[in-house]
C-alpha atoms as a PDB file:
ATOM      1  CA  UNK A   1       0.047  -0.017   0.011  1.00  0.00           C
ATOM      2  CA  UNK A   2       1.334   3.416  -0.981  1.00  0.00           C
ATOM      3  CA  UNK A   3       0.742   5.168   2.326  1.00  0.00           C
ATOM      4  CA  UNK A   4       2.458   2.472   4.372  1.00  0.00           C
ATOM      5  CA  UNK A   5       5.457   2.414   1.899  1.00  0.00           C
ATOM      6  CA  UNK A   6       5.831   6.135   2.266  1.00  0.00           C
ATOM      7  CA  UNK A   7       6.170   5.839   5.962  1.00  0.00           C
ATOM      8  CA  UNK A   8       8.597   2.878   5.628  1.00  0.00           C
ATOM      9  CA  UNK A   9      10.754   4.944   3.207  1.00  0.00           C
ATOM     10  CA  UNK A  10      10.560   7.801   5.726  1.00  0.00           C
ATOM     11  CA  UNK A  11      12.018   5.512   8.463  1.00  0.00           C
ATOM     12  CA  UNK A  12      14.645   4.088   6.153  1.00  0.00           C
ATOM     13  CA  UNK A  13      16.106   7.412   5.189  1.00  0.00           C
ATOM     14  CA  UNK A  14      15.851   8.647   8.753  1.00  0.00           C
ATOM     15  CA  UNK A  15      17.928   5.678   9.825  1.00  0.00           C
ATOM     16  CA  UNK A  16      20.441   5.799   6.960  1.00  0.00           C
ATOM     17  CA  UNK A  17      20.468   9.596   6.427  1.00  0.00           C
ATOM     18  CA  UNK A  18      20.460   9.225   2.633  1.00  0.00           C
ATOM     19  CA  UNK A  19      19.559   6.662  -0.056  1.00  0.00           C
ATOM     20  CA  UNK A  20      19.920   6.405  -3.835  1.00  0.00           C
ATOM     21  CA  UNK A  21      16.905   5.772  -6.128  1.00  0.00           C
ATOM     22  CA  UNK A  22      18.381   2.430  -7.033  1.00  0.00           C
ATOM     23  CA  UNK A  23      18.683   1.340  -3.360  1.00  0.00           C
ATOM     24  CA  UNK A  24      15.143   2.387  -2.684  1.00  0.00           C
ATOM     25  CA  UNK A  25      13.833   0.500  -5.681  1.00  0.00           C
ATOM     26  CA  UNK A  26      15.621  -2.606  -4.572  1.00  0.00           C
ATOM     27  CA  UNK A  27      14.625  -2.305  -0.965  1.00  0.00           C
ATOM     28  CA  UNK A  28      10.913  -1.662  -1.522  1.00  0.00           C
ATOM     29  CA  UNK A  29      10.661  -3.696  -4.660  1.00  0.00           C
ATOM     30  CA  UNK A  30       8.931  -0.993  -6.840  1.00  0.00           C
ATOM     31  CA  UNK A  31       9.803   0.798 -10.100  1.00  0.00           C
ATOM     32  CA  UNK A  32      11.875   3.882 -10.549  1.00  0.00           C
ATOM     33  CA  UNK A  33       8.828   6.007 -11.452  1.00  0.00           C
ATOM     34  CA  UNK A  34       7.048   4.920  -8.284  1.00  0.00           C
ATOM     35  CA  UNK A  35      10.095   5.778  -6.129  1.00  0.00           C
ATOM     36  CA  UNK A  36      10.337   9.176  -7.781  1.00  0.00           C
ATOM     37  CA  UNK A  37       6.751   9.793  -6.882  1.00  0.00           C
ATOM     38  CA  UNK A  38       7.281   8.701  -3.317  1.00  0.00           C
ATOM     39  CA  UNK A  39      10.303  10.958  -3.099  1.00  0.00           C
ATOM     40  CA  UNK A  40       8.331  13.888  -4.394  1.00  0.00           C
ATOM     41  CA  UNK A  41       5.666  13.210  -1.666  1.00  0.00           C
ATOM     42  CA  UNK A  42       8.389  13.157   1.087  1.00  0.00           C
ATOM     43  CA  UNK A  43       9.908  16.377  -0.290  1.00  0.00           C
ATOM     44  CA  UNK A  44       6.446  17.935  -0.228  1.00  0.00           C
ATOM     45  CA  UNK A  45       6.047  16.837   3.404  1.00  0.00           C
ATOM     46  CA  UNK A  46       9.403  18.540   4.377  1.00  0.00           C
ATOM     47  CA  UNK A  47      10.778  15.253   5.440  1.00  0.00           C
ATOM     48  CA  UNK A  48      13.623  14.985   2.956  1.00  0.00           C
ATOM     49  CA  UNK A  49      15.382  16.801   0.060  1.00  0.00           C
ATOM     50  CA  UNK A  50      16.475  15.675  -3.303  1.00  0.00           C
ATOM     51  CA  UNK A  51      20.143  15.119  -3.926  1.00  0.00           C
ATOM     52  CA  UNK A  52      21.910  13.901  -6.956  1.00  0.00           C
ATOM     53  CA  UNK A  53      20.659  10.406  -7.708  1.00  0.00           C
ATOM     54  CA  UNK A  54      18.512  10.038  -4.508  1.00  0.00           C
ATOM     55  CA  UNK A  55      17.265  11.591  -1.363  1.00  0.00           C
ATOM     56  CA  UNK A  56      18.582  12.933   1.877  1.00  0.00           C
ATOM     57  CA  UNK A  57      16.771  13.349   5.219  1.00  0.00           C
ATOM     58  CA  UNK A  58      16.154  16.784   6.639  1.00  0.00           C
ATOM     59  CA  UNK A  59      17.574  16.510  10.125  1.00  0.00           C
ATOM     60  CA  UNK A  60      14.835  18.584  11.713  1.00  0.00           C
ATOM     61  CA  UNK A  61      12.107  16.133  10.562  1.00  0.00           C
ATOM     62  CA  UNK A  62      12.126  14.093  13.750  1.00  0.00           C
ATOM     63  CA  UNK A  63       8.453  14.969  14.387  1.00  0.00           C
ATOM     64  CA  UNK A  64       7.372  13.333  11.135  1.00  0.00           C
ATOM     65  CA  UNK A  65       9.267  10.101  12.226  1.00  0.00           C
ATOM     66  CA  UNK A  66       7.267  10.351  15.486  1.00  0.00           C
ATOM     67  CA  UNK A  67       4.149  10.160  13.384  1.00  0.00           C
ATOM     68  CA  UNK A  68       5.584   7.147  11.490  1.00  0.00           C
ATOM     69  CA  UNK A  69       6.259   5.280  14.708  1.00  0.00           C
ATOM     70  CA  UNK A  70       2.667   5.882  15.851  1.00  0.00           C
ATOM     71  CA  UNK A  71       1.449   4.689  12.393  1.00  0.00           C
ATOM     72  CA  UNK A  72       3.112   1.329  12.365  1.00  0.00           C
ATOM     73  CA  UNK A  73       2.179   0.660  16.076  1.00  0.00           C
ATOM     74  CA  UNK A  74      -0.742  -1.792  16.047  1.00  0.00           C
ATOM     75  CA  UNK A  75      -0.902  -1.158  12.233  1.00  0.00           C
ATOM     76  CA  UNK A  76      -3.032  -4.296  11.356  1.00  0.00           C
ATOM     77  CA  UNK A  77      -5.471  -3.431  14.171  1.00  0.00           C
ATOM     78  CA  UNK A  78      -5.894   0.115  12.873  1.00  0.00           C
ATOM     79  CA  UNK A  79      -6.464  -1.177   9.348  1.00  0.00           C
ATOM     80  CA  UNK A  80      -9.123  -3.505  10.634  1.00  0.00           C
ATOM     81  CA  UNK A  81     -10.805  -0.748  12.566  1.00  0.00           C
ATOM     82  CA  UNK A  82     -10.876   1.402   9.454  1.00  0.00           C
ATOM     83  CA  UNK A  83     -12.487  -1.368   7.537  1.00  0.00           C
ATOM     84  CA  UNK A  84     -15.378  -2.017   9.964  1.00  0.00           C
ATOM     85  CA  UNK A  85     -15.974   1.675  10.524  1.00  0.00           C
ATOM     86  CA  UNK A  86     -16.115   2.417   6.794  1.00  0.00           C
ATOM     87  CA  UNK A  87     -19.529   0.691   6.603  1.00  0.00           C
ATOM     88  CA  UNK A  88     -20.924   3.747   8.382  1.00  0.00           C
ATOM     89  CA  UNK A  89     -20.121   5.948   5.349  1.00  0.00           C
ATOM     90  CA  UNK A  90     -23.137   6.236   2.938  1.00  0.00           C
ATOM     91  CA  UNK A  91     -23.613   7.945  -0.418  1.00  0.00           C
ATOM     92  CA  UNK A  92     -24.098  11.711  -0.077  1.00  0.00           C
ATOM     93  CA  UNK A  93     -22.972  11.740   3.565  1.00  0.00           C
ATOM     94  CA  UNK A  94     -21.260  14.887   4.838  1.00  0.00           C
ATOM     95  CA  UNK A  95     -18.572  13.491   7.186  1.00  0.00           C
ATOM     96  CA  UNK A  96     -15.741  14.763   9.431  1.00  0.00           C
ATOM     97  CA  UNK A  97     -12.589  12.595   9.514  1.00  0.00           C
ATOM     98  CA  UNK A  98     -10.279  13.412  12.379  1.00  0.00           C
ATOM     99  CA  UNK A  99      -6.504  13.406  12.123  1.00  0.00           C
ATOM    100  CA  UNK A 100      -4.862  10.212  13.251  1.00  0.00           C
ATOM    101  CA  UNK A 101      -3.217   6.888  12.357  1.00  0.00           C
ATOM    102  CA  UNK A 102      -6.310   4.964  12.620  1.00  0.00           C
ATOM    103  CA  UNK A 103      -8.889   7.259  10.915  1.00  0.00           C
ATOM    104  CA  UNK A 104      -6.618   7.316   7.822  1.00  0.00           C
ATOM    105  CA  UNK A 105      -7.543   3.737   7.128  1.00  0.00           C
ATOM    106  CA  UNK A 106     -11.248   4.567   6.502  1.00  0.00           C
ATOM    107  CA  UNK A 107     -10.150   5.671   3.121  1.00  0.00           C
ATOM    108  CA  UNK A 108      -8.567   2.337   2.208  1.00  0.00           C
ATOM    109  CA  UNK A 109     -11.985   1.083   1.389  1.00  0.00           C
ATOM    110  CA  UNK A 110     -13.548   3.926  -0.698  1.00  0.00           C
ATOM    111  CA  UNK A 111     -15.154   2.888  -4.020  1.00  0.00           C
ATOM    112  CA  UNK A 112     -13.964   5.226  -6.768  1.00  0.00           C
ATOM    113  CA  UNK A 113     -17.654   5.834  -7.744  1.00  0.00           C
ATOM    114  CA  UNK A 114     -18.843   6.642  -4.239  1.00  0.00           C
ATOM    115  CA  UNK A 115     -20.130  10.226  -3.799  1.00  0.00           C
ATOM    116  CA  UNK A 116     -19.771  11.942  -0.401  1.00  0.00           C
ATOM    117  CA  UNK A 117     -18.209  14.988   1.317  1.00  0.00           C
ATOM    118  CA  UNK A 118     -15.184  14.957   3.579  1.00  0.00           C
ATOM    119  CA  UNK A 119     -14.285  17.695   5.963  1.00  0.00           C
ATOM    120  CA  UNK A 120     -10.862  17.263   7.741  1.00  0.00           C
ATOM    121  CA  UNK A 121      -7.928  19.046   9.251  1.00  0.00           C
ATOM    122  CA  UNK A 122      -5.580  16.133   8.518  1.00  0.00           C
ATOM    123  CA  UNK A 123      -2.826  16.349   5.903  1.00  0.00           C
ATOM    124  CA  UNK A 124      -2.895  12.684   5.302  1.00  0.00           C
ATOM    125  CA  UNK A 125      -6.700  12.513   4.945  1.00  0.00           C
ATOM    126  CA  UNK A 126      -6.460  15.444   2.532  1.00  0.00           C
ATOM    127  CA  UNK A 127      -3.818  13.728   0.344  1.00  0.00           C
ATOM    128  CA  UNK A 128      -5.639  10.388   0.284  1.00  0.00           C
ATOM    129  CA  UNK A 129      -9.140  11.884  -0.320  1.00  0.00           C
ATOM    130  CA  UNK A 130      -7.751  14.065  -3.199  1.00  0.00           C
ATOM    131  CA  UNK A 131      -7.326  10.877  -5.158  1.00  0.00           C
ATOM    132  CA  UNK A 132     -11.112  10.207  -5.394  1.00  0.00           C
ATOM    133  CA  UNK A 133     -12.804  12.079  -8.167  1.00  0.00           C
ATOM    134  CA  UNK A 134     -16.366  11.802  -6.671  1.00  0.00           C
ATOM    135  CA  UNK A 135     -15.423  12.926  -3.097  1.00  0.00           C
ATOM    136  CA  UNK A 136     -15.799  16.651  -2.306  1.00  0.00           C
ATOM    137  CA  UNK A 137     -13.110  17.709   0.111  1.00  0.00           C
ATOM    138  CA  UNK A 138     -12.904  20.758   2.484  1.00  0.00           C
ATOM    139  CA  UNK A 139     -10.008  21.605   4.713  1.00  0.00           C
ATOM    140  CA  UNK A 140     -10.239  23.433   8.005  1.00  0.00           C
ATOM    141  CA  UNK A 141      -7.443  25.040  10.007  1.00  0.00           C
ATOM    142  CA  UNK A 142      -5.056  27.849   9.357  1.00  0.00           C
ATOM    143  CA  UNK A 143      -1.657  26.708  10.487  1.00  0.00           C
ATOM    144  CA  UNK A 144       0.166  23.408   9.839  1.00  0.00           C
ATOM    145  CA  UNK A 145       1.387  21.417  12.848  1.00  0.00           C
ATOM    146  CA  UNK A 146       4.043  18.852  11.816  1.00  0.00           C
ATOM    147  CA  UNK A 147       3.942  16.752  14.966  1.00  0.00           C
ATOM    148  CA  UNK A 148       0.287  15.725  14.253  1.00  0.00           C
ATOM    149  CA  UNK A 149       0.348  16.405  10.485  1.00  0.00           C
ATOM    150  CA  UNK A 150      -2.723  18.484  10.893  1.00  0.00           C
ATOM    151  CA  UNK A 151      -3.973  22.005  10.491  1.00  0.00           C
ATOM    152  CA  UNK A 152      -5.050  23.942  13.525  1.00  0.00           C
ATOM    153  CA  UNK A 153      -6.839  27.183  14.270  1.00  0.00           C
ATOM    154  CA  UNK A 154     -10.376  28.200  13.603  1.00  0.00           C
ATOM    155  CA  UNK A 155     -10.394  31.953  14.290  1.00  0.00           C
ATOM    156  CA  UNK A 156     -10.960  33.067  10.759  1.00  0.00           C
ATOM    157  CA  UNK A 157     -12.381  29.740   9.419  1.00  0.00           C
ATOM    158  CA  UNK A 158     -16.122  29.892   9.136  1.00  0.00           C
ATOM    159  CA  UNK A 159     -16.589  26.616   7.103  1.00  0.00           C
ATOM    160  CA  UNK A 160     -17.556  24.655  10.146  1.00  0.00           C
ATOM    161  CA  UNK A 161     -20.376  26.937  10.978  1.00  0.00           C
ATOM    162  CA  UNK A 162     -21.857  26.404   7.547  1.00  0.00           C
ATOM    163  CA  UNK A 163     -21.789  22.670   7.321  1.00  0.00           C
ATOM    164  CA  UNK A 164     -24.489  20.203   8.422  1.00  0.00           C
ATOM    165  CA  UNK A 165     -22.122  17.296   9.298  1.00  0.00           C
ATOM    166  CA  UNK A 166     -23.819  13.915   9.482  1.00  0.00           C
ATOM    167  CA  UNK A 167     -21.021  11.914  11.071  1.00  0.00           C
ATOM    168  CA  UNK A 168     -17.613  12.374  12.685  1.00  0.00           C
ATOM    169  CA  UNK A 169     -14.983   9.737  12.766  1.00  0.00           C
ATOM    170  CA  UNK A 170     -12.777  10.535  15.675  1.00  0.00           C
ATOM    171  CA  UNK A 171      -9.452   9.452  17.080  1.00  0.00           C
ATOM    172  CA  UNK A 172      -8.302   9.604  20.700  1.00  0.00           C
ATOM    173  CA  UNK A 173      -5.208   8.905  22.709  1.00  0.00           C
ATOM    174  CA  UNK A 174      -7.384   7.767  25.640  1.00  0.00           C
ATOM    175  CA  UNK A 175     -10.880   6.353  26.135  1.00  0.00           C
ATOM    176  CA  UNK A 176     -12.333   5.881  29.602  1.00  0.00           C
ATOM    177  CA  UNK A 177     -15.521   6.520  31.613  1.00  0.00           C
ATOM    178  CA  UNK A 178     -14.354   9.349  33.803  1.00  0.00           C
ATOM    179  CA  UNK A 179     -12.687  11.507  31.137  1.00  0.00           C
ATOM    180  CA  UNK A 180     -14.319  10.292  27.918  1.00  0.00           C
ATOM    181  CA  UNK A 181     -12.334  10.821  24.791  1.00  0.00           C
ATOM    182  CA  UNK A 182      -9.069  12.624  25.405  1.00  0.00           C
ATOM    183  CA  UNK A 183      -5.980  13.834  23.625  1.00  0.00           C
ATOM    184  CA  UNK A 184      -2.767  15.730  24.490  1.00  0.00           C
ATOM    185  CA  UNK A 185      -2.703  18.661  21.918  1.00  0.00           C
ATOM    186  CA  UNK A 186      -4.530  21.820  22.952  1.00  0.00           C
ATOM    187  CA  UNK A 187      -5.138  23.260  19.466  1.00  0.00           C
ATOM    188  CA  UNK A 188      -6.400  19.853  18.288  1.00  0.00           C
ATOM    189  CA  UNK A 189      -8.669  19.552  21.249  1.00  0.00           C
ATOM    190  CA  UNK A 190     -10.476  22.741  20.388  1.00  0.00           C
ATOM    191  CA  UNK A 191     -11.315  21.481  17.019  1.00  0.00           C
ATOM    192  CA  UNK A 192     -12.331  18.048  18.275  1.00  0.00           C
ATOM    193  CA  UNK A 193     -14.643  19.707  20.882  1.00  0.00           C
ATOM    194  CA  UNK A 194     -16.329  21.881  18.281  1.00  0.00           C
ATOM    195  CA  UNK A 195     -16.873  18.994  15.884  1.00  0.00           C
ATOM    196  CA  UNK A 196     -18.310  16.645  18.421  1.00  0.00           C
ATOM    197  CA  UNK A 197     -20.672  19.198  19.830  1.00  0.00           C
ATOM    198  CA  UNK A 198     -22.087  19.845  16.282  1.00  0.00           C
ATOM    199  CA  UNK A 199     -22.466  16.524  14.551  1.00  0.00           C
ATOM    200  CA  UNK A 200     -25.477  14.205  14.519  1.00  0.00           C
ATOM    201  CA  UNK A 201     -23.384  11.028  15.261  1.00  0.00           C
ATOM    202  CA  UNK A 202     -19.905  10.670  16.671  1.00  0.00           C
ATOM    203  CA  UNK A 203     -17.953   7.471  16.087  1.00  0.00           C
ATOM    204  CA  UNK A 204     -14.706   6.794  17.949  1.00  0.00           C
ATOM    205  CA  UNK A 205     -11.975   4.648  16.140  1.00  0.00           C
ATOM    206  CA  UNK A 206      -9.446   3.475  18.773  1.00  0.00           C
ATOM    207  CA  UNK A 207      -7.495   0.255  19.216  1.00  0.00           C
ATOM    208  CA  UNK A 208      -7.341  -1.646  22.468  1.00  0.00           C
ATOM    209  CA  UNK A 209      -4.166   0.180  23.664  1.00  0.00           C
ATOM    210  CA  UNK A 210      -6.299   3.367  24.093  1.00  0.00           C
ATOM    211  CA  UNK A 211      -9.060   1.736  26.102  1.00  0.00           C
ATOM    212  CA  UNK A 212      -9.252   2.600  29.834  1.00  0.00           C
ATOM    213  CA  UNK A 213      -6.705   5.320  29.528  1.00  0.00           C
ATOM    214  CA  UNK A 214      -6.840   9.065  29.798  1.00  0.00           C
ATOM    215  CA  UNK A 215      -4.559  11.827  28.541  1.00  0.00           C
ATOM    216  CA  UNK A 216      -4.334  15.555  29.275  1.00  0.00           C
ATOM    217  CA  UNK A 217      -7.454  16.984  27.591  1.00  0.00           C
ATOM    218  CA  UNK A 218     -11.104  15.800  27.299  1.00  0.00           C
ATOM    219  CA  UNK A 219     -12.933  16.766  24.133  1.00  0.00           C
ATOM    220  CA  UNK A 220     -16.035  14.555  24.373  1.00  0.00           C
ATOM    221  CA  UNK A 221     -17.821  12.716  27.155  1.00  0.00           C
ATOM    222  CA  UNK A 222     -18.218   9.006  26.625  1.00  0.00           C
ATOM    223  CA  UNK A 223     -22.061   9.042  26.842  1.00  0.00           C
ATOM    224  CA  UNK A 224     -22.080  11.619  23.919  1.00  0.00           C
ATOM    225  CA  UNK A 225     -20.831   9.125  21.251  1.00  0.00           C
ATOM    226  CA  UNK A 226     -22.866   6.891  19.043  1.00  0.00           C
ATOM    227  CA  UNK A 227     -20.418   3.850  18.398  1.00  0.00           C
ATOM    228  CA  UNK A 228     -17.058   2.549  19.236  1.00  0.00           C
ATOM    229  CA  UNK A 229     -14.917   0.806  16.706  1.00  0.00           C
ATOM    230  CA  UNK A 230     -12.037  -1.162  18.115  1.00  0.00           C
ATOM    231  CA  UNK A 231     -10.077  -4.349  17.625  1.00  0.00           C
ATOM    232  CA  UNK A 232     -10.736  -6.219  20.952  1.00  0.00           C
ATOM    233  CA  UNK A 233     -13.324  -6.343  23.677  1.00  0.00           C
ATOM    234  CA  UNK A 234     -12.959  -3.109  25.825  1.00  0.00           C
ATOM    235  CA  UNK A 235     -12.516  -3.347  29.566  1.00  0.00           C
ATOM    236  CA  UNK A 236     -15.634  -4.422  31.489  1.00  0.00           C
ATOM    237  CA  UNK A 237     -16.385  -1.051  32.906  1.00  0.00           C
ATOM    238  CA  UNK A 238     -16.538   0.524  29.469  1.00  0.00           C
ATOM    239  CA  UNK A 239     -18.506  -2.342  28.072  1.00  0.00           C
ATOM    240  CA  UNK A 240     -21.104  -1.992  30.897  1.00  0.00           C
ATOM    241  CA  UNK A 241     -21.212   1.693  30.505  1.00  0.00           C
ATOM    242  CA  UNK A 242     -21.855   1.479  26.726  1.00  0.00           C
ATOM    243  CA  UNK A 243     -24.601  -1.073  27.287  1.00  0.00           C
ATOM    244  CA  UNK A 244     -26.288   1.109  29.809  1.00  0.00           C
ATOM    245  CA  UNK A 245     -26.114   4.128  27.480  1.00  0.00           C
ATOM    246  CA  UNK A 246     -27.055   2.227  24.239  1.00  0.00           C
ATOM    247  CA  UNK A 247     -23.669   2.846  22.744  1.00  0.00           C
ATOM    248  CA  UNK A 248     -22.798   0.104  20.155  1.00  0.00           C
ATOM    249  CA  UNK A 249     -19.333  -1.444  20.311  1.00  0.00           C
ATOM    250  CA  UNK A 250     -17.905  -2.987  17.100  1.00  0.00           C
ATOM    251  CA  UNK A 251     -14.749  -5.210  17.129  1.00  0.00           C
END
């Protein structure tokens, strides 16, 4: 898969500092044209720069590698979660897709003929969604934040006030009863709060490692969500809470 290969190349050049086109072709078993396209994407993402015959890492790109590490952690579980959650997307839906290494996998399963609207602040969602001719894409946020690969800030952005969003597919670094859905980035948290207070249905996509945990900032109470998509049965207290509050759990 292209997105996974991009992150693997990112890690490879971070480790080796530099790589030739020929070396990358042999390592990742793809054509020269494919590697050149991948290199262009890494250059656009400010992760690397072109040098004669290959590519060289930009030393200040450690934050992007942090994202890579998060992406490959529980990769198969995240891909599975994206697959089962994708069934919630229907033709002509207006949806918000949150930034994150799990929510990105929703777009692994889009049929090229499917028509719907995506609103996002995620660079990766934007890049992937732009490949679908029948998907209408809107970007929110005014400033790019490399550590989360997302756009933040809503002061002069009025788009969110205008949209009637059907469904929000949200990520979280922690999910528990006391603090609900949480994350650790203040600017991200403000957008997440606004979205979940506005939409008709909120879906949380989180693997088992996030369950029962809490991080710095709450953006949504657990009883305000509609469904949980995960890869294993959540802890009993969360399962009981969801049953009491009619929150569906899919795994």
